[in-house]
Amino acid sequence: MKDKLRKILKSYNGQREGLLPCLHFIQKERGYLSEEDALFLAKELNLPPVEVYSVASFYSMFTLKERGKYIIRVCASLPCYLKGSKEILQALTEELNISVGQTTADKKFTIEAVSCLGACDKAPAMMINEEIYTNLTPAEAKEIIRQLK
């Protein structure tokens, strides 16, 4: 991975502008930014590690902790909330025996509450990785998870 990151940084002449492309690459390949990754980028870009962390933590598409194979995002916007997203979250946390923001011990599932999935007309909605599910009931959400187990 370090060779690929060096190649990305070289295309930006080793300048700070290469940080975001490197973070995108790490997120895609590893799924999160590890401490080792942050320290490596800081050294390569001659930046303090806190600057790498501040950029990575500012953007919601990056995460600093390992997540599961399946990232379950449940919409918590007002339309979804009024249509039952709270109950969807409760069903998922019961089924997986974890809280929102946590990952199962087997690293298979992570549950997140998000601001909007853009499916307000089909609320409540959840997304698992890149697939969206709409007009959900708690029972349907549990069944989807059982099929993925």
C-alpha atoms as a PDB file:
ATOM      1  CA  MET A   1       0.000   0.000   0.000  1.00  0.00           C
ATOM      2  CA  LYS A   2       2.869   2.391   0.797  1.00  0.00           C
ATOM      3  CA  ASP A   3       4.208   2.106  -2.747  1.00  0.00           C
ATOM      4  CA  LYS A   4       0.830   3.058  -4.184  1.00  0.00           C
ATOM      5  CA  LEU A   5       0.558   5.998  -1.758  1.00  0.00           C
ATOM      6  CA  ARG A   6       4.034   7.190  -2.766  1.00  0.00           C
ATOM      7  CA  LYS A   7       2.977   6.984  -6.415  1.00  0.00           C
ATOM      8  CA  ILE A   8      -0.131   9.090  -5.699  1.00  0.00           C
ATOM      9  CA  LEU A   9       1.944  11.638  -3.782  1.00  0.00           C
ATOM     10  CA  LYS A  10       4.527  11.770  -6.575  1.00  0.00           C
ATOM     11  CA  SER A  11       1.772  12.730  -9.039  1.00  0.00           C
ATOM     12  CA  TYR A  12       1.138  15.744  -6.770  1.00  0.00           C
ATOM     13  CA  ASN A  13       4.863  16.524  -6.496  1.00  0.00           C
ATOM     14  CA  GLY A  14       4.783  15.534  -2.840  1.00  0.00           C
ATOM     15  CA  GLN A  15       2.554  18.491  -2.026  1.00  0.00           C
ATOM     16  CA  ARG A  16      -0.274  18.635   0.509  1.00  0.00           C
ATOM     17  CA  GLU A  17      -2.818  18.451  -2.339  1.00  0.00           C
ATOM     18  CA  GLY A  18      -2.051  14.731  -2.529  1.00  0.00           C
ATOM     19  CA  LEU A  19      -3.488  14.110   0.937  1.00  0.00           C
ATOM     20  CA  LEU A  20      -7.137  13.738  -0.091  1.00  0.00           C
ATOM     21  CA  PRO A  21      -6.434  11.337  -2.981  1.00  0.00           C
ATOM     22  CA  CYS A  22      -4.332   9.252  -0.582  1.00  0.00           C
ATOM     23  CA  LEU A  23      -7.106   9.231   2.013  1.00  0.00           C
ATOM     24  CA  HIS A  24      -9.600   8.119  -0.635  1.00  0.00           C
ATOM     25  CA  PHE A  25      -7.266   5.300  -1.677  1.00  0.00           C
ATOM     26  CA  ILE A  26      -6.768   4.141   1.922  1.00  0.00           C
ATOM     27  CA  GLN A  27     -10.500   4.282   2.631  1.00  0.00           C
ATOM     28  CA  LYS A  28     -11.231   2.197  -0.459  1.00  0.00           C
ATOM     29  CA  GLU A  29      -8.486  -0.359   0.175  1.00  0.00           C
ATOM     30  CA  ARG A  30      -8.492  -0.722   3.967  1.00  0.00           C
ATOM     31  CA  GLY A  31     -11.865   0.734   4.905  1.00  0.00           C
ATOM     32  CA  TYR A  32     -10.447   3.157   7.472  1.00  0.00           C
ATOM     33  CA  LEU A  33      -7.417   5.304   8.228  1.00  0.00           C
ATOM     34  CA  SER A  34      -5.136   3.520  10.671  1.00  0.00           C
ATOM     35  CA  GLU A  35      -2.639   5.277  12.936  1.00  0.00           C
ATOM     36  CA  GLU A  36       0.153   3.789  10.831  1.00  0.00           C
ATOM     37  CA  ASP A  37      -1.396   5.247   7.659  1.00  0.00           C
ATOM     38  CA  ALA A  38      -1.744   8.698   9.214  1.00  0.00           C
ATOM     39  CA  LEU A  39       1.836   8.719  10.466  1.00  0.00           C
ATOM     40  CA  PHE A  40       3.124   7.550   7.076  1.00  0.00           C
ATOM     41  CA  LEU A  41       1.246  10.322   5.225  1.00  0.00           C
ATOM     42  CA  ALA A  42       2.371  12.930   7.740  1.00  0.00           C
ATOM     43  CA  LYS A  43       5.996  11.915   7.263  1.00  0.00           C
ATOM     44  CA  GLU A  44       5.763  11.756   3.459  1.00  0.00           C
ATOM     45  CA  LEU A  45       4.071  15.175   3.267  1.00  0.00           C
ATOM     46  CA  ASN A  46       6.149  16.744   6.032  1.00  0.00           C
ATOM     47  CA  LEU A  47       2.987  17.557   7.987  1.00  0.00           C
ATOM     48  CA  PRO A  48       2.187  17.171  11.666  1.00  0.00           C
ATOM     49  CA  PRO A  49       0.087  14.014  12.214  1.00  0.00           C
ATOM     50  CA  VAL A  50      -2.674  16.142  13.739  1.00  0.00           C
ATOM     51  CA  GLU A  51      -3.172  17.818  10.360  1.00  0.00           C
ATOM     52  CA  VAL A  52      -3.694  14.463   8.636  1.00  0.00           C
ATOM     53  CA  TYR A  53      -6.174  13.480  11.366  1.00  0.00           C
ATOM     54  CA  SER A  54      -8.008  16.801  11.156  1.00  0.00           C
ATOM     55  CA  VAL A  55      -8.525  16.428   7.410  1.00  0.00           C
ATOM     56  CA  ALA A  56      -9.583  12.777   7.748  1.00  0.00           C
ATOM     57  CA  SER A  57     -12.022  13.531  10.569  1.00  0.00           C
ATOM     58  CA  PHE A  58     -13.510  16.588   8.825  1.00  0.00           C
ATOM     59  CA  TYR A  59     -14.889  14.649   5.849  1.00  0.00           C
ATOM     60  CA  SER A  60     -17.694  12.182   6.577  1.00  0.00           C
ATOM     61  CA  MET A  61     -16.541   9.770   3.855  1.00  0.00           C
ATOM     62  CA  PHE A  62     -13.450   8.890   5.897  1.00  0.00           C
ATOM     63  CA  THR A  63     -13.384   6.934   9.108  1.00  0.00           C
ATOM     64  CA  LEU A  64     -10.675   6.488  11.705  1.00  0.00           C
ATOM     65  CA  LYS A  65     -11.926   3.194  13.039  1.00  0.00           C
ATOM     66  CA  GLU A  66     -12.370  -0.177  11.455  1.00  0.00           C
ATOM     67  CA  ARG A  67     -15.883  -0.900  10.251  1.00  0.00           C
ATOM     68  CA  GLY A  68     -17.666  -4.023   9.203  1.00  0.00           C
ATOM     69  CA  LYS A  69     -17.920  -5.661   5.800  1.00  0.00           C
ATOM     70  CA  TYR A  70     -21.517  -4.418   5.660  1.00  0.00           C
ATOM     71  CA  ILE A  71     -22.031  -0.790   6.615  1.00  0.00           C
ATOM     72  CA  ILE A  72     -25.671  -0.264   7.483  1.00  0.00           C
ATOM     73  CA  ARG A  73     -26.762   3.366   7.262  1.00  0.00           C
ATOM     74  CA  VAL A  74     -30.222   4.170   8.561  1.00  0.00           C
ATOM     75  CA  CYS A  75     -31.686   7.524   7.622  1.00  0.00           C
ATOM     76  CA  ALA A  76     -32.532   9.616  10.675  1.00  0.00           C
ATOM     77  CA  SER A  77     -33.961  12.630   8.826  1.00  0.00           C
ATOM     78  CA  LEU A  78     -37.367  13.926   9.869  1.00  0.00           C
ATOM     79  CA  PRO A  79     -39.362  12.141   7.125  1.00  0.00           C
ATOM     80  CA  CYS A  80     -37.715   8.794   7.898  1.00  0.00           C
ATOM     81  CA  TYR A  81     -37.983   9.353  11.645  1.00  0.00           C
ATOM     82  CA  LEU A  82     -41.717  10.088  11.352  1.00  0.00           C
ATOM     83  CA  LYS A  83     -42.142   6.922   9.256  1.00  0.00           C
ATOM     84  CA  GLY A  84     -40.312   4.662  11.721  1.00  0.00           C
ATOM     85  CA  SER A  85     -36.534   4.868  11.331  1.00  0.00           C
ATOM     86  CA  LYS A  86     -36.156   4.795  15.110  1.00  0.00           C
ATOM     87  CA  GLU A  87     -37.866   1.399  15.140  1.00  0.00           C
ATOM     88  CA  ILE A  88     -35.670   0.221  12.258  1.00  0.00           C
ATOM     89  CA  LEU A  89     -32.560   1.165  14.245  1.00  0.00           C
ATOM     90  CA  GLN A  90     -33.915  -0.606  17.312  1.00  0.00           C
ATOM     91  CA  ALA A  91     -34.624  -3.773  15.306  1.00  0.00           C
ATOM     92  CA  LEU A  92     -31.113  -3.737  13.842  1.00  0.00           C
ATOM     93  CA  THR A  93     -29.401  -3.172  17.175  1.00  0.00           C
ATOM     94  CA  GLU A  94     -31.403  -6.050  18.655  1.00  0.00           C
ATOM     95  CA  GLU A  95     -30.656  -8.360  15.719  1.00  0.00           C
ATOM     96  CA  LEU A  96     -26.926  -7.615  15.746  1.00  0.00           C
ATOM     97  CA  ASN A  97     -26.546  -7.046  19.487  1.00  0.00           C
ATOM     98  CA  ILE A  98     -24.618  -3.788  19.006  1.00  0.00           C
ATOM     99  CA  SER A  99     -25.401  -0.088  19.389  1.00  0.00           C
ATOM    100  CA  VAL A 100     -25.475   2.570  16.690  1.00  0.00           C
ATOM    101  CA  GLY A 101     -21.884   3.458  15.805  1.00  0.00           C
ATOM    102  CA  GLN A 102     -20.552   0.023  16.721  1.00  0.00           C
ATOM    103  CA  THR A 103     -19.249  -2.927  14.727  1.00  0.00           C
ATOM    104  CA  THR A 104     -19.982  -6.574  15.443  1.00  0.00           C
ATOM    105  CA  ALA A 105     -17.158  -8.624  16.966  1.00  0.00           C
ATOM    106  CA  ASP A 106     -16.799 -10.636  13.735  1.00  0.00           C
ATOM    107  CA  LYS A 107     -16.289  -7.341  11.802  1.00  0.00           C
ATOM    108  CA  LYS A 108     -19.224  -8.173   9.566  1.00  0.00           C
ATOM    109  CA  PHE A 109     -21.695  -5.349  10.384  1.00  0.00           C
ATOM    110  CA  THR A 110     -21.505  -1.689  11.395  1.00  0.00           C
ATOM    111  CA  ILE A 111     -24.623   0.379  12.128  1.00  0.00           C
ATOM    112  CA  GLU A 112     -24.679   4.125  11.500  1.00  0.00           C
ATOM    113  CA  ALA A 113     -27.440   6.728  11.733  1.00  0.00           C
ATOM    114  CA  VAL A 114     -27.088   9.251   8.898  1.00  0.00           C
ATOM    115  CA  SER A 115     -28.705  12.576   8.087  1.00  0.00           C
ATOM    116  CA  CYS A 116     -30.280  11.707   4.752  1.00  0.00           C
ATOM    117  CA  LEU A 117     -30.176   9.023   2.077  1.00  0.00           C
ATOM    118  CA  GLY A 118     -32.206  11.003  -0.458  1.00  0.00           C
ATOM    119  CA  ALA A 119     -35.211   8.696  -0.367  1.00  0.00           C
ATOM    120  CA  CYS A 120     -37.610  10.818   1.668  1.00  0.00           C
ATOM    121  CA  ASP A 121     -40.568   9.869  -0.512  1.00  0.00           C
ATOM    122  CA  LYS A 122     -39.970   6.191   0.322  1.00  0.00           C
ATOM    123  CA  ALA A 123     -39.257   6.506   4.040  1.00  0.00           C
ATOM    124  CA  PRO A 124     -38.019   4.870   6.140  1.00  0.00           C
ATOM    125  CA  ALA A 125     -34.839   4.033   4.289  1.00  0.00           C
ATOM    126  CA  MET A 126     -31.561   2.295   4.974  1.00  0.00           C
ATOM    127  CA  MET A 127     -28.508   1.624   2.859  1.00  0.00           C
ATOM    128  CA  ILE A 128     -26.190  -1.345   3.147  1.00  0.00           C
ATOM    129  CA  ASN A 129     -22.934  -0.537   1.411  1.00  0.00           C
ATOM    130  CA  GLU A 130     -24.230   0.793  -1.927  1.00  0.00           C
ATOM    131  CA  GLU A 131     -27.709  -0.797  -1.944  1.00  0.00           C
ATOM    132  CA  ILE A 132     -30.686   1.196  -0.705  1.00  0.00           C
ATOM    133  CA  TYR A 133     -33.792  -0.294   0.914  1.00  0.00           C
ATOM    134  CA  THR A 134     -36.978   1.750   1.218  1.00  0.00           C
ATOM    135  CA  ASN A 135     -40.451   1.581   2.762  1.00  0.00           C
ATOM    136  CA  LEU A 136     -38.976  -0.674   5.429  1.00  0.00           C
ATOM    137  CA  THR A 137     -40.563  -2.299   8.417  1.00  0.00           C
ATOM    138  CA  PRO A 138     -38.519  -3.497  11.392  1.00  0.00           C
ATOM    139  CA  ALA A 139     -39.254  -7.119  10.413  1.00  0.00           C
ATOM    140  CA  GLU A 140     -38.001  -6.516   6.853  1.00  0.00           C
ATOM    141  CA  ALA A 141     -34.816  -4.883   8.152  1.00  0.00           C
ATOM    142  CA  LYS A 142     -34.130  -7.888  10.389  1.00  0.00           C
ATOM    143  CA  GLU A 143     -34.747 -10.295   7.508  1.00  0.00           C
ATOM    144  CA  ILE A 144     -32.306  -8.442   5.252  1.00  0.00           C
ATOM    145  CA  ILE A 145     -29.635  -8.761   7.950  1.00  0.00           C
ATOM    146  CA  ARG A 146     -30.373 -12.454   8.469  1.00  0.00           C
ATOM    147  CA  GLN A 147     -29.858 -13.062   4.754  1.00  0.00           C
ATOM    148  CA  LEU A 148     -26.483 -11.321   4.907  1.00  0.00           C
ATOM    149  CA  LYS A 149     -25.336 -13.341   7.917  1.00  0.00           C
END
